[in-house]
Protein backbone atom coordinates (compact mmCIF):
# COMPACT_ATOMS: atom_id res chain seq x y z
CA MET A 1 126.02 1.82 -81.22
CA ASN A 2 124.07 -1.40 -81.14
CA PHE A 3 124.47 -4.00 -83.91
CA LEU A 4 121.77 -2.65 -86.21
CA GLU A 5 122.92 0.95 -85.79
CA ALA A 6 126.51 -0.05 -86.58
CA LEU A 7 125.38 -2.05 -89.60
CA LEU A 8 123.33 0.82 -90.98
CA ASP A 9 126.11 3.32 -90.32
CA ARG A 10 128.61 1.22 -92.24
CA ILE A 11 126.22 0.65 -95.15
CA GLU A 12 125.56 4.37 -95.45
CA ARG A 13 129.22 5.42 -95.11
CA LEU A 14 130.76 2.81 -97.39
CA GLY A 15 127.88 2.08 -99.75
CA THR A 16 128.27 -1.68 -99.39
CA ARG A 17 125.85 -4.50 -98.53
CA LEU A 18 128.53 -7.20 -98.65
CA CYS A 19 129.14 -9.37 -95.58
CA ILE A 20 132.54 -11.08 -95.67
CA GLY A 21 132.45 -14.66 -94.42
CA LEU A 22 135.50 -16.23 -92.80
CA ASP A 23 135.50 -20.02 -93.20
CA PRO A 24 139.23 -20.70 -92.76
CA ARG A 25 140.72 -23.90 -94.13
CA PRO A 26 144.43 -24.05 -93.22
CA GLU A 27 145.05 -26.76 -95.83
CA TRP A 28 144.28 -24.13 -98.49
CA HIS A 29 146.80 -21.60 -97.17
CA PRO A 30 150.17 -20.94 -98.79
CA PRO A 31 153.12 -22.41 -96.91
CA GLY A 32 153.95 -20.43 -93.79
CA VAL A 33 150.59 -18.63 -93.57
CA ASP A 34 148.96 -19.62 -90.28
CA LEU A 35 145.30 -19.31 -89.32
CA TRP A 36 145.61 -15.94 -87.62
CA THR A 37 147.69 -14.37 -90.38
CA HIS A 38 145.24 -15.52 -93.01
CA CYS A 39 142.12 -14.27 -91.20
CA ARG A 40 143.74 -10.97 -90.20
CA ASP A 41 145.03 -10.22 -93.68
CA VAL A 42 141.72 -11.06 -95.39
CA LEU A 43 139.70 -9.00 -92.91
CA GLU A 44 141.98 -5.98 -93.09
CA ALA A 45 142.15 -6.10 -96.89
CA CYS A 46 138.40 -6.48 -97.36
CA ALA A 47 137.28 -4.05 -94.66
CA PRO A 48 136.63 -1.10 -97.03
CA TYR A 49 134.05 -3.21 -98.89
CA ALA A 50 132.41 -4.97 -95.92
CA CYS A 51 129.30 -3.92 -94.02
CA ALA A 52 129.84 -6.89 -91.66
CA VAL A 53 132.02 -9.94 -91.09
CA LYS A 54 130.66 -13.44 -90.50
CA PRO A 55 133.11 -15.92 -88.95
CA GLN A 56 131.81 -19.49 -89.19
CA LEU A 57 132.42 -21.14 -85.82
CA ALA A 58 132.80 -24.66 -87.17
CA PHE A 59 135.96 -23.85 -89.10
CA PHE A 60 137.59 -22.37 -86.01
CA GLU A 61 136.33 -25.12 -83.69
CA ALA A 62 137.80 -27.72 -86.06
CA GLN A 63 141.27 -26.38 -85.22
CA GLY A 64 140.83 -27.02 -81.50
CA LEU A 65 141.83 -24.60 -78.76
CA GLY A 66 144.20 -22.74 -81.07
CA GLY A 67 141.37 -22.15 -83.52
CA LEU A 68 139.14 -20.69 -80.81
CA GLU A 69 141.96 -18.40 -79.69
CA VAL A 70 142.25 -17.13 -83.27
CA LEU A 71 138.49 -16.64 -83.43
CA TYR A 72 138.55 -14.36 -80.38
CA ARG A 73 141.41 -12.40 -81.92
CA VAL A 74 139.35 -12.02 -85.10
CA LEU A 75 136.35 -10.79 -83.10
CA ASP A 76 138.51 -8.29 -81.22
CA LEU A 77 140.08 -7.04 -84.46
CA ALA A 78 136.67 -6.59 -86.08
CA ARG A 79 135.50 -4.53 -83.12
CA GLU A 80 138.65 -2.40 -83.22
CA MET A 81 137.89 -1.75 -86.89
CA GLU A 82 134.21 -1.06 -86.08
CA ILE A 83 132.98 -3.86 -88.34
CA PRO A 84 129.72 -5.46 -87.12
CA VAL A 85 130.13 -9.16 -86.35
CA ILE A 86 127.70 -11.95 -87.19
CA VAL A 87 128.81 -15.08 -85.38
CA ASP A 88 127.72 -17.93 -87.64
CA GLY A 89 127.06 -20.69 -85.15
CA LYS A 90 123.49 -21.75 -86.04
CA ARG A 91 122.83 -22.35 -82.37
CA GLY A 92 119.53 -23.64 -81.02
CA ASP A 93 118.48 -25.67 -78.00
CA ILE A 94 115.99 -25.87 -75.17
CA GLY A 95 115.66 -23.49 -72.20
CA SER A 96 118.79 -23.21 -70.11
CA THR A 97 121.06 -24.46 -72.90
CA ALA A 98 119.76 -21.80 -75.29
CA GLU A 99 120.35 -19.26 -72.54
CA ALA A 100 123.94 -20.47 -72.24
CA TYR A 101 124.50 -20.13 -75.99
CA ALA A 102 123.02 -16.64 -75.85
CA ARG A 103 125.29 -15.77 -72.94
CA ALA A 104 128.31 -17.04 -74.85
CA TRP A 105 127.70 -15.06 -78.04
CA LEU A 106 125.32 -12.20 -77.26
CA ARG A 107 126.17 -11.17 -73.72
CA GLY A 108 129.30 -10.26 -71.79
CA PRO A 109 132.41 -9.61 -73.92
CA ARG A 110 130.47 -10.58 -77.06
CA ALA A 111 127.58 -8.18 -76.40
CA GLY A 112 126.47 -6.29 -79.47
CA SER A 113 127.22 -9.17 -81.82
CA ALA A 114 124.73 -10.96 -83.98
CA LEU A 115 124.33 -14.72 -84.00
CA THR A 116 122.77 -17.16 -86.48
CA VAL A 117 120.26 -19.49 -84.83
CA HIS A 118 117.98 -22.33 -85.92
CA PRO A 119 114.33 -22.73 -84.86
CA TYR A 120 113.79 -26.45 -85.13
CA LEU A 121 113.37 -27.17 -81.44
CA GLY A 122 110.32 -24.92 -81.48
CA ARG A 123 109.42 -21.30 -81.01
CA ASP A 124 110.32 -21.20 -77.31
CA SER A 125 113.90 -22.18 -78.19
CA LEU A 126 114.29 -18.77 -79.88
CA ASP A 127 113.10 -16.74 -76.90
CA PRO A 128 116.43 -16.67 -74.97
CA PHE A 129 118.27 -15.47 -78.06
CA VAL A 130 115.71 -12.78 -78.81
CA ALA A 131 115.79 -11.59 -75.19
CA ALA A 132 119.59 -11.37 -75.16
CA ALA A 133 119.67 -9.55 -78.49
CA ARG A 134 117.16 -6.99 -77.28
CA GLU A 135 118.85 -6.45 -73.93
CA GLU A 136 122.43 -6.31 -75.18
CA GLY A 137 121.98 -4.41 -78.44
CA GLY A 138 122.70 -7.44 -80.59
CA ALA A 139 120.69 -9.29 -83.21
CA ILE A 140 119.92 -12.80 -84.38
CA PHE A 141 119.49 -14.20 -87.86
CA CYS A 142 117.12 -17.16 -87.81
CA LEU A 143 117.30 -19.87 -90.45
CA VAL A 144 114.15 -19.62 -92.57
CA ARG A 145 114.89 -20.65 -96.17
CA THR A 146 118.41 -21.92 -96.60
CA SER A 147 120.55 -22.19 -99.72
CA ASN A 148 121.41 -25.91 -99.62
CA PRO A 149 119.82 -28.32 -102.14
CA GLY A 150 118.17 -30.41 -99.41
CA ALA A 151 116.36 -27.50 -97.78
CA ASP A 152 113.03 -28.63 -99.23
CA ASP A 153 113.20 -31.85 -97.21
CA LEU A 154 111.83 -29.93 -94.23
CA GLN A 155 111.41 -26.24 -95.02
CA ALA A 156 108.94 -26.82 -97.89
CA ARG A 157 106.76 -29.31 -96.00
CA ASP A 158 103.08 -28.34 -96.02
CA LEU A 159 101.57 -27.58 -92.62
CA GLY A 160 98.09 -27.09 -94.05
CA GLY A 161 98.23 -24.02 -96.24
CA ARG A 162 101.70 -22.84 -95.22
CA THR A 163 105.16 -24.35 -95.30
CA VAL A 164 107.48 -24.90 -92.36
CA ALA A 165 109.61 -21.97 -93.57
CA GLU A 166 106.54 -19.72 -93.76
CA GLU A 167 105.57 -20.72 -90.22
CA VAL A 168 109.01 -19.75 -88.93
CA ALA A 169 108.79 -16.45 -90.81
CA GLY A 170 105.51 -15.82 -89.01
CA TRP A 171 107.23 -16.29 -85.65
CA ILE A 172 109.86 -13.74 -86.62
CA ALA A 173 107.22 -11.25 -87.73
CA ASP A 174 105.45 -11.68 -84.38
CA TYR A 175 108.61 -10.69 -82.50
CA HIS A 176 108.48 -7.38 -84.36
CA ALA A 177 104.79 -6.65 -83.84
CA GLU A 178 105.56 -3.54 -81.76
CA VAL A 179 108.73 -2.52 -83.61
CA VAL A 180 108.91 0.58 -85.78
CA GLY A 181 111.36 0.08 -88.64
CA TYR A 182 113.75 -2.86 -88.58
CA GLY A 183 114.04 -5.04 -85.49
CA PRO A 184 116.76 -7.31 -84.07
CA VAL A 185 115.37 -10.61 -85.37
CA GLY A 186 116.64 -11.18 -88.89
CA ALA A 187 116.24 -14.11 -91.25
CA VAL A 188 118.62 -16.24 -93.28
CA ILE A 189 117.19 -16.53 -96.79
CA GLY A 190 119.23 -18.34 -99.44
CA ALA A 191 120.36 -16.18 -102.34
CA THR A 192 120.20 -19.36 -104.43
CA ARG A 193 116.39 -19.01 -104.52
CA PRO A 194 115.94 -15.61 -106.21
CA ALA A 195 112.37 -16.32 -107.36
CA GLU A 196 111.29 -16.45 -103.71
CA LEU A 197 112.96 -13.25 -102.50
CA SER A 198 110.06 -10.90 -103.16
CA ASP A 199 107.74 -13.10 -101.11
CA TRP A 200 110.14 -13.27 -98.15
CA ARG A 201 110.69 -9.51 -98.28
CA SER A 202 106.92 -8.98 -98.00
CA ARG A 203 106.52 -11.55 -95.22
CA LEU A 204 109.36 -10.05 -93.18
CA PRO A 205 109.06 -6.28 -93.67
CA LYS A 206 110.82 -5.48 -90.37
CA SER A 207 113.65 -8.01 -90.58
CA TRP A 208 117.09 -7.73 -92.10
CA LEU A 209 117.68 -10.61 -94.48
CA LEU A 210 121.05 -12.36 -94.57
CA LEU A 211 121.53 -13.79 -98.06
CA PRO A 212 124.16 -16.56 -98.32
CA GLY A 213 125.02 -18.41 -101.48
CA VAL A 214 126.70 -15.84 -103.74
CA GLY A 215 129.86 -17.11 -105.36
CA ALA A 216 130.71 -20.72 -104.59
CA GLN A 217 127.03 -21.77 -104.46
CA GLY A 218 126.20 -20.03 -107.71
CA ALA A 219 123.88 -17.16 -106.72
CA ARG A 220 124.31 -13.90 -108.66
CA PRO A 221 124.09 -10.39 -107.21
CA LYS A 222 122.00 -9.15 -110.14
CA ASP A 223 119.17 -11.51 -109.12
CA LEU A 224 118.88 -10.21 -105.55
CA THR A 225 117.04 -6.92 -106.14
CA PRO A 226 113.72 -8.16 -104.64
CA ALA A 227 115.38 -8.82 -101.27
CA PHE A 228 115.90 -5.09 -100.66
CA ASP A 229 113.34 -2.50 -99.66
CA ARG A 230 112.66 0.54 -101.82
CA ARG A 231 115.56 2.41 -100.17
CA GLY A 232 118.00 -0.38 -100.93
CA MET A 233 118.10 -1.48 -97.29
CA GLY A 234 116.92 -4.53 -95.40
CA ALA A 235 119.31 -7.13 -96.77
CA ILE A 236 123.00 -7.99 -96.72
CA VAL A 237 124.73 -10.46 -99.01
CA ALA A 238 127.18 -12.98 -97.56
CA ALA A 239 130.14 -14.32 -99.51
CA SER A 240 132.77 -16.56 -97.95
CA ARG A 241 134.89 -18.87 -100.08
CA ALA A 242 134.40 -16.77 -103.20
CA VAL A 243 136.22 -13.90 -101.47
CA GLU A 244 138.38 -15.51 -98.82
CA TYR A 245 139.88 -18.07 -101.20
CA ALA A 246 139.69 -16.21 -104.49
CA SER A 247 143.41 -16.99 -104.49
CA ARG A 248 145.27 -19.63 -102.53
CA GLU A 249 148.64 -18.13 -103.34
CA ARG A 250 150.73 -15.49 -101.54
CA ASP A 251 148.57 -12.75 -103.03
CA PHE A 252 145.45 -14.11 -101.26
CA ALA A 253 144.66 -10.88 -99.38
CA ILE A 254 145.10 -8.67 -102.44
CA VAL A 255 142.88 -10.90 -104.58
CA ALA A 256 140.30 -11.19 -101.77
CA ALA A 257 140.06 -7.40 -101.64
CA GLN A 258 139.72 -7.14 -105.42
CA THR A 259 136.97 -9.76 -105.38
CA ALA A 260 135.17 -8.09 -102.48
CA ARG A 261 135.28 -4.72 -104.23
CA ALA A 262 133.80 -6.20 -107.42
CA LEU A 263 131.08 -8.06 -105.52
CA ALA A 264 130.16 -4.97 -103.49
CA ARG A 265 129.85 -3.00 -106.73
CA ASP A 266 127.69 -5.70 -108.34
CA ILE A 267 125.39 -5.75 -105.31
CA GLN A 268 125.15 -1.97 -105.40
CA ASP A 269 124.17 -2.16 -109.08
CA ALA A 270 121.35 -4.58 -108.17
CA LEU A 271 119.67 -2.23 -105.67
CA PRO A 272 116.20 -0.95 -106.47
CA ARG A 273 116.26 2.31 -108.41
């Protein structure tokens, strides 16, 4: 199955729209719990409630070569467990460099993954990622309207009747002009902006929306109903610290699973009826 097929299959089988983020911070781990043990235990415990897993590259890169080795073990484990992977790297660059990023995370041994990308070098900087996603059965999630407080500094700037974020959304919609149903170019839309979700859903009718910001950033599942289509599809909700570090004690995996189960249930309760 390609990424979108695997995502849909897991949503339908498990009834969950929760994406588990892995942002490992070894300084928060109980004594004796190394990076690999922590990530493995959280992923295995939360798997029954996860439609996808989203490892954040920066937290693994910060640990040097050992961190990258753990990342690849996490990716392999997720694939063994048939959990779709969204590599959260927010990559973006010109021409050949974008192609190299796409090769690293969407082709070869990583084929079938999804990758977060940013569009701020221009529309042509997205093309290599879109091409790789289409050819390899993967997907990308492009930053459109992010959850951080400073997002308005650029994303809300007026371009003459439309904002920067709306312009980027238009690019994404163009990639899906010939697509029936949902296509491989998704959008990152902050769950911290619930009043805007209905508008983004209508602007991006063929894109899966990745909604970060639940938990540590204060967004609430009950406010996310407008992000979903009438069938309760089209969006997944990402939670990282709120699940991964719900406990920093020895029971971290047990508490992470309990938190994931409750969040998945709350998201399910918010689906359109």
